Amino acid sequence: MSGVDIAVIVIVSVAVLAVVGWLVYRKVKHKGGCCDCGCGCNGCTMCEKGKKDK
């Protein structure tokens, strides 16, 4: 394996780990697009569906 091959493997691995980390972060912070009202607003107070339910 040459230096270029190793660099490509490292760059791709770091990119994959960054995407996985970002997805885990969004899941932990509850920013995944799911909410109680089903419109993807995360249950914000400006949501019309959320106002009707309350």
PDB file of N, CA and C in Angstrom:
ATOM      1  N   MET A   1       0.853  -1.185   0.000  1.00  0.00           N
ATOM      2  CA  MET A   1       0.000   0.000   0.000  1.00  0.00           C
ATOM      3  C   MET A   1       0.889   1.234   0.000  1.00  0.00           C
ATOM      4  N   SER A   2       0.518   2.140  -0.842  1.00  0.00           N
ATOM      5  CA  SER A   2       1.298   3.375  -0.920  1.00  0.00           C
ATOM      6  C   SER A   2       0.725   4.414   0.045  1.00  0.00           C
ATOM      7  N   GLY A   3       1.405   5.512   0.129  1.00  0.00           N
ATOM      8  CA  GLY A   3       0.956   6.594   1.009  1.00  0.00           C
ATOM      9  C   GLY A   3      -0.379   7.178   0.592  1.00  0.00           C
ATOM     10  N   VAL A   4      -0.623   7.188  -0.710  1.00  0.00           N
ATOM     11  CA  VAL A   4      -1.892   7.712  -1.222  1.00  0.00           C
ATOM     12  C   VAL A   4      -3.045   6.813  -0.794  1.00  0.00           C
ATOM     13  N   ASP A   5      -2.857   5.510  -0.875  1.00  0.00           N
ATOM     14  CA  ASP A   5      -3.898   4.566  -0.450  1.00  0.00           C
ATOM     15  C   ASP A   5      -4.235   4.743   1.023  1.00  0.00           C
ATOM     16  N   ILE A   6      -3.222   4.864   1.837  1.00  0.00           N
ATOM     17  CA  ILE A   6      -3.428   5.049   3.275  1.00  0.00           C
ATOM     18  C   ILE A   6      -4.139   6.364   3.551  1.00  0.00           C
ATOM     19  N   ALA A   7      -3.760   7.428   2.839  1.00  0.00           N
ATOM     20  CA  ALA A   7      -4.408   8.734   3.029  1.00  0.00           C
ATOM     21  C   ALA A   7      -5.881   8.673   2.649  1.00  0.00           C
ATOM     22  N   VAL A   8      -6.197   7.988   1.566  1.00  0.00           N
ATOM     23  CA  VAL A   8      -7.597   7.863   1.135  1.00  0.00           C
ATOM     24  C   VAL A   8      -8.399   7.083   2.170  1.00  0.00           C
ATOM     25  N   ILE A   9      -7.845   6.002   2.680  1.00  0.00           N
ATOM     26  CA  ILE A   9      -8.534   5.194   3.695  1.00  0.00           C
ATOM     27  C   ILE A   9      -8.776   6.019   4.958  1.00  0.00           C
ATOM     28  N   VAL A  10      -7.776   6.786   5.372  1.00  0.00           N
ATOM     29  CA  VAL A  10      -7.920   7.616   6.574  1.00  0.00           C
ATOM     30  C   VAL A  10      -8.974   8.698   6.358  1.00  0.00           C
ATOM     31  N   ILE A  11      -8.956   9.356   5.201  1.00  0.00           N
ATOM     32  CA  ILE A  11      -9.922  10.428   4.923  1.00  0.00           C
ATOM     33  C   ILE A  11     -11.346   9.881   4.880  1.00  0.00           C
ATOM     34  N   VAL A  12     -11.546   8.746   4.232  1.00  0.00           N
ATOM     35  CA  VAL A  12     -12.887   8.148   4.155  1.00  0.00           C
ATOM     36  C   VAL A  12     -13.348   7.696   5.539  1.00  0.00           C
ATOM     37  N   SER A  13     -12.444   7.125   6.313  1.00  0.00           N
ATOM     38  CA  SER A  13     -12.803   6.682   7.664  1.00  0.00           C
ATOM     39  C   SER A  13     -13.201   7.856   8.549  1.00  0.00           C
ATOM     40  N   VAL A  14     -12.459   8.946   8.469  1.00  0.00           N
ATOM     41  CA  VAL A  14     -12.791  10.135   9.262  1.00  0.00           C
ATOM     42  C   VAL A  14     -14.130  10.709   8.830  1.00  0.00           C
ATOM     43  N   ALA A  15     -14.409  10.711   7.530  1.00  0.00           N
ATOM     44  CA  ALA A  15     -15.692  11.221   7.041  1.00  0.00           C
ATOM     45  C   ALA A  15     -16.849  10.365   7.543  1.00  0.00           C
ATOM     46  N   VAL A  16     -16.693   9.049   7.514  1.00  0.00           N
ATOM     47  CA  VAL A  16     -17.753   8.151   8.002  1.00  0.00           C
ATOM     48  C   VAL A  16     -17.965   8.348   9.495  1.00  0.00           C
ATOM     49  N   LEU A  17     -16.896   8.431  10.255  1.00  0.00           N
ATOM     50  CA  LEU A  17     -17.026   8.656  11.700  1.00  0.00           C
ATOM     51  C   LEU A  17     -17.671  10.007  12.000  1.00  0.00           C
ATOM     52  N   ALA A  18     -17.375  11.022  11.211  1.00  0.00           N
ATOM     53  CA  ALA A  18     -17.988  12.337  11.418  1.00  0.00           C
ATOM     54  C   ALA A  18     -19.490  12.281  11.174  1.00  0.00           C
ATOM     55  N   VAL A  19     -19.916  11.589  10.131  1.00  0.00           N
ATOM     56  CA  VAL A  19     -21.355  11.468   9.848  1.00  0.00           C
ATOM     57  C   VAL A  19     -22.056  10.690  10.952  1.00  0.00           C
ATOM     58  N   VAL A  20     -21.461   9.595  11.387  1.00  0.00           N
ATOM     59  CA  VAL A  20     -22.062   8.806  12.469  1.00  0.00           C
ATOM     60  C   VAL A  20     -22.139   9.636  13.749  1.00  0.00           C
ATOM     61  N   GLY A  21     -21.083  10.373  14.063  1.00  0.00           N
ATOM     62  CA  GLY A  21     -21.093  11.226  15.247  1.00  0.00           C
ATOM     63  C   GLY A  21     -22.158  12.301  15.164  1.00  0.00           C
ATOM     64  N   TRP A  22     -22.345  12.885  13.988  1.00  0.00           N
ATOM     65  CA  TRP A  22     -23.354  13.921  13.801  1.00  0.00           C
ATOM     66  C   TRP A  22     -24.761  13.344  13.984  1.00  0.00           C
ATOM     67  N   LEU A  23     -24.989  12.138  13.442  1.00  0.00           N
ATOM     68  CA  LEU A  23     -26.298  11.509  13.602  1.00  0.00           C
ATOM     69  C   LEU A  23     -26.580  11.164  15.061  1.00  0.00           C
ATOM     70  N   VAL A  24     -25.581  10.674  15.773  1.00  0.00           N
ATOM     71  CA  VAL A  24     -25.753  10.357  17.194  1.00  0.00           C
ATOM     72  C   VAL A  24     -26.021  11.633  17.978  1.00  0.00           C
ATOM     73  N   TYR A  25     -25.299  12.704  17.673  1.00  0.00           N
ATOM     74  CA  TYR A  25     -25.511  13.983  18.353  1.00  0.00           C
ATOM     75  C   TYR A  25     -26.936  14.478  18.156  1.00  0.00           C
ATOM     76  N   ARG A  26     -27.439  14.419  16.918  1.00  0.00           N
ATOM     77  CA  ARG A  26     -28.809  14.866  16.654  1.00  0.00           C
ATOM     78  C   ARG A  26     -29.819  13.993  17.377  1.00  0.00           C
ATOM     79  N   LYS A  27     -29.545  12.703  17.468  1.00  0.00           N
ATOM     80  CA  LYS A  27     -30.460  11.791  18.170  1.00  0.00           C
ATOM     81  C   LYS A  27     -30.480  12.098  19.663  1.00  0.00           C
ATOM     82  N   VAL A  28     -29.302  12.364  20.240  1.00  0.00           N
ATOM     83  CA  VAL A  28     -29.209  12.667  21.670  1.00  0.00           C
ATOM     84  C   VAL A  28     -29.881  13.996  21.983  1.00  0.00           C
ATOM     85  N   LYS A  29     -29.738  14.970  21.100  1.00  0.00           N
ATOM     86  CA  LYS A  29     -30.316  16.298  21.314  1.00  0.00           C
ATOM     87  C   LYS A  29     -31.755  16.399  20.831  1.00  0.00           C
ATOM     88  N   HIS A  30     -32.347  15.284  20.407  1.00  0.00           N
ATOM     89  CA  HIS A  30     -33.753  15.215  19.951  1.00  0.00           C
ATOM     90  C   HIS A  30     -34.007  16.174  18.794  1.00  0.00           C
ATOM     91  N   LYS A  31     -33.105  16.185  17.825  1.00  0.00           N
ATOM     92  CA  LYS A  31     -33.288  17.019  16.644  1.00  0.00           C
ATOM     93  C   LYS A  31     -33.443  16.143  15.410  1.00  0.00           C
ATOM     94  N   GLY A  32     -34.059  15.010  15.576  1.00  0.00           N
ATOM     95  CA  GLY A  32     -34.165  14.065  14.482  1.00  0.00           C
ATOM     96  C   GLY A  32     -35.337  14.287  13.570  1.00  0.00           C
ATOM     97  N   GLY A  33     -36.193  15.244  13.823  1.00  0.00           N
ATOM     98  CA  GLY A  33     -37.331  15.496  12.958  1.00  0.00           C
ATOM     99  C   GLY A  33     -38.616  14.855  13.449  1.00  0.00           C
ATOM    100  N   CYS A  34     -38.598  14.111  14.523  1.00  0.00           N
ATOM    101  CA  CYS A  34     -39.822  13.528  15.071  1.00  0.00           C
ATOM    102  C   CYS A  34     -40.366  14.442  16.164  1.00  0.00           C
ATOM    103  N   CYS A  35     -41.628  14.578  16.211  1.00  0.00           N
ATOM    104  CA  CYS A  35     -42.230  15.323  17.307  1.00  0.00           C
ATOM    105  C   CYS A  35     -43.602  14.730  17.603  1.00  0.00           C
ATOM    106  N   ASP A  36     -44.224  15.230  18.604  1.00  0.00           N
ATOM    107  CA  ASP A  36     -45.521  14.697  19.011  1.00  0.00           C
ATOM    108  C   ASP A  36     -46.610  14.959  17.981  1.00  0.00           C
ATOM    109  N   CYS A  37     -46.530  16.093  17.278  1.00  0.00           N
ATOM    110  CA  CYS A  37     -47.602  16.433  16.351  1.00  0.00           C
ATOM    111  C   CYS A  37     -47.392  15.839  14.962  1.00  0.00           C
ATOM    112  N   GLY A  38     -46.215  15.278  14.672  1.00  0.00           N
ATOM    113  CA  GLY A  38     -45.981  14.600  13.413  1.00  0.00           C
ATOM    114  C   GLY A  38     -45.605  15.487  12.247  1.00  0.00           C
ATOM    115  N   CYS A  39     -45.417  16.784  12.469  1.00  0.00           N
ATOM    116  CA  CYS A  39     -45.088  17.664  11.347  1.00  0.00           C
ATOM    117  C   CYS A  39     -43.599  17.944  11.245  1.00  0.00           C
ATOM    118  N   GLY A  40     -42.779  17.429  12.148  1.00  0.00           N
ATOM    119  CA  GLY A  40     -41.341  17.614  12.082  1.00  0.00           C
ATOM    120  C   GLY A  40     -40.841  18.881  12.730  1.00  0.00           C
ATOM    121  N   CYS A  41     -41.663  19.537  13.528  1.00  0.00           N
ATOM    122  CA  CYS A  41     -41.256  20.810  14.127  1.00  0.00           C
ATOM    123  C   CYS A  41     -40.646  20.618  15.510  1.00  0.00           C
ATOM    124  N   ASN A  42     -40.515  19.396  15.977  1.00  0.00           N
ATOM    125  CA  ASN A  42     -40.016  19.074  17.320  1.00  0.00           C
ATOM    126  C   ASN A  42     -40.901  19.644  18.420  1.00  0.00           C
ATOM    127  N   GLY A  43     -42.184  19.807  18.156  1.00  0.00           N
ATOM    128  CA  GLY A  43     -43.128  20.254  19.169  1.00  0.00           C
ATOM    129  C   GLY A  43     -42.972  21.704  19.566  1.00  0.00           C
ATOM    130  N   CYS A  44     -42.526  22.548  18.631  1.00  0.00           N
ATOM    131  CA  CYS A  44     -42.301  23.955  18.966  1.00  0.00           C
ATOM    132  C   CYS A  44     -43.620  24.668  19.244  1.00  0.00           C
ATOM    133  N   THR A  45     -43.547  25.785  19.901  1.00  0.00           N
ATOM    134  CA  THR A  45     -44.751  26.528  20.274  1.00  0.00           C
ATOM    135  C   THR A  45     -45.399  27.221  19.086  1.00  0.00           C
ATOM    136  N   MET A  46     -44.674  27.368  17.982  1.00  0.00           N
ATOM    137  CA  MET A  46     -45.234  28.033  16.813  1.00  0.00           C
ATOM    138  C   MET A  46     -46.024  27.084  15.919  1.00  0.00           C
ATOM    139  N   CYS A  47     -46.003  25.815  16.211  1.00  0.00           N
ATOM    140  CA  CYS A  47     -46.679  24.815  15.386  1.00  0.00           C
ATOM    141  C   CYS A  47     -48.186  24.901  15.591  1.00  0.00           C
ATOM    142  N   GLU A  48     -48.911  24.973  14.510  1.00  0.00           N
ATOM    143  CA  GLU A  48     -50.370  25.057  14.596  1.00  0.00           C
ATOM    144  C   GLU A  48     -50.971  23.753  15.133  1.00  0.00           C
ATOM    145  N   LYS A  49     -50.421  22.624  14.741  1.00  0.00           N
ATOM    146  CA  LYS A  49     -50.929  21.358  15.254  1.00  0.00           C
ATOM    147  C   LYS A  49     -50.687  21.241  16.741  1.00  0.00           C
ATOM    148  N   GLY A  50     -49.539  21.721  17.198  1.00  0.00           N
ATOM    149  CA  GLY A  50     -49.230  21.667  18.622  1.00  0.00           C
ATOM    150  C   GLY A  50     -50.140  22.567  19.438  1.00  0.00           C
ATOM    151  N   LYS A  51     -50.539  23.710  18.870  1.00  0.00           N
ATOM    152  CA  LYS A  51     -51.454  24.623  19.562  1.00  0.00           C
ATOM    153  C   LYS A  51     -52.840  24.002  19.692  1.00  0.00           C
ATOM    154  N   LYS A  52     -53.274  23.292  18.664  1.00  0.00           N
ATOM    155  CA  LYS A  52     -54.605  22.678  18.699  1.00  0.00           C
ATOM    156  C   LYS A  52     -54.674  21.543  19.712  1.00  0.00           C
ATOM    157  N   ASP A  53     -53.563  20.788  19.833  1.00  0.00           N
ATOM    158  CA  ASP A  53     -53.545  19.663  20.777  1.00  0.00           C
ATOM    159  C   ASP A  53     -53.560  20.137  22.222  1.00  0.00           C
ATOM    160  N   LYS A  54     -52.989  21.272  22.491  1.00  0.00           N
ATOM    161  CA  LYS A  54     -52.906  21.764  23.867  1.00  0.00           C
ATOM    162  C   LYS A  54     -54.118  22.562  24.169  1.00  0.00           C
TER     163      LYS A  54
END
